[in-house]
C-alpha atoms as a PDB file:
ATOM      1  CA  MET A   1       0.000   0.000   0.000  1.00  0.00           C
ATOM      2  CA  LEU A   2       2.810   2.413   0.839  1.00  0.00           C
ATOM      3  CA  ASP A   3       4.361   1.790  -2.584  1.00  0.00           C
ATOM      4  CA  HIS A   4       1.000   2.455  -4.197  1.00  0.00           C
ATOM      5  CA  LEU A   5       0.773   5.749  -2.302  1.00  0.00           C
ATOM      6  CA  GLY A   6       4.185   6.791  -3.640  1.00  0.00           C
ATOM      7  CA  LEU A   7       6.096   6.137  -0.430  1.00  0.00           C
ATOM      8  CA  PRO A   8       8.713   3.569  -1.467  1.00  0.00           C
ATOM      9  CA  ASP A   9      11.228   4.470   1.250  1.00  0.00           C
ATOM     10  CA  GLN A  10       8.641   3.943   3.975  1.00  0.00           C
ATOM     11  CA  ALA A  11       7.542   0.681   2.341  1.00  0.00           C
ATOM     12  CA  ASP A  12      11.130  -0.585   2.324  1.00  0.00           C
ATOM     13  CA  ARG A  13      11.590   0.428   5.947  1.00  0.00           C
ATOM     14  CA  LEU A  14       8.443  -1.412   7.021  1.00  0.00           C
ATOM     15  CA  ASN A  15       9.397  -4.498   4.981  1.00  0.00           C
ATOM     16  CA  ARG A  16      12.808  -4.582   6.671  1.00  0.00           C
ATOM     17  CA  ALA A  17      11.132  -4.336  10.091  1.00  0.00           C
ATOM     18  CA  ILE A  18       8.829  -7.220   9.193  1.00  0.00           C
ATOM     19  CA  GLU A  19      11.784  -9.315   7.995  1.00  0.00           C
ATOM     20  CA  THR A  20      13.741  -8.540  11.175  1.00  0.00           C
ATOM     21  CA  THR A  21      10.793  -9.457  13.376  1.00  0.00           C
ATOM     22  CA  THR A  22       9.959 -12.706  11.619  1.00  0.00           C
ATOM     23  CA  ALA A  23      13.632 -13.710  11.385  1.00  0.00           C
ATOM     24  CA  ALA A  24      13.833 -13.308  15.166  1.00  0.00           C
ATOM     25  CA  GLY A  25      11.034 -15.861  15.443  1.00  0.00           C
ATOM     26  CA  ILE A  26       8.459 -13.398  16.711  1.00  0.00           C
ATOM     27  CA  LEU A  27       5.377 -14.897  15.105  1.00  0.00           C
ATOM     28  CA  THR A  28       1.711 -15.241  15.961  1.00  0.00           C
ATOM     29  CA  ARG A  29       0.206 -18.697  16.411  1.00  0.00           C
ATOM     30  CA  ASP A  30      -1.265 -18.749  12.901  1.00  0.00           C
ATOM     31  CA  LEU A  31       2.316 -18.551  11.602  1.00  0.00           C
ATOM     32  CA  GLY A  32       3.651 -21.192  13.985  1.00  0.00           C
ATOM     33  CA  GLY A  33       4.777 -18.914  16.801  1.00  0.00           C
ATOM     34  CA  THR A  34       3.568 -18.083  20.255  1.00  0.00           C
ATOM     35  CA  ALA A  35       3.567 -14.273  20.200  1.00  0.00           C
ATOM     36  CA  THR A  36       0.425 -12.233  20.658  1.00  0.00           C
ATOM     37  CA  THR A  37      -0.568  -9.533  18.215  1.00  0.00           C
ATOM     38  CA  ALA A  38       0.608  -6.987  20.774  1.00  0.00           C
ATOM     39  CA  ASP A  39       4.009  -8.737  20.983  1.00  0.00           C
ATOM     40  CA  VAL A  40       4.416  -8.614  17.212  1.00  0.00           C
ATOM     41  CA  THR A  41       3.322  -4.981  17.067  1.00  0.00           C
ATOM     42  CA  LYS A  42       5.848  -4.021  19.766  1.00  0.00           C
ATOM     43  CA  ALA A  43       8.608  -5.913  17.970  1.00  0.00           C
ATOM     44  CA  LEU A  44       7.784  -4.150  14.697  1.00  0.00           C
ATOM     45  CA  ILE A  45       7.826  -0.747  16.380  1.00  0.00           C
ATOM     46  CA  ASP A  46      11.116  -1.592  18.083  1.00  0.00           C
ATOM     47  CA  ALA A  47      12.597  -2.633  14.718  1.00  0.00           C
ATOM     48  CA  LEU A  48      11.383   0.577  13.107  1.00  0.00           C
ATOM     49  CA  ASN A  49      12.974   2.617  15.888  1.00  0.00           C
ATOM     50  CA  ALA A  50      16.290   0.760  15.759  1.00  0.00           C
END
């Protein structure tokens, strides 16, 4: 969506945060993990702020 809105830098930044979070094994149960939605959200925000 961010790409579609003409924000490619922000899209890349969010994609990197998602990759960092999932690579760390922070996943919700539907993806085989044990994290809550709040846990994943916090991890994404932390990755964005890193």
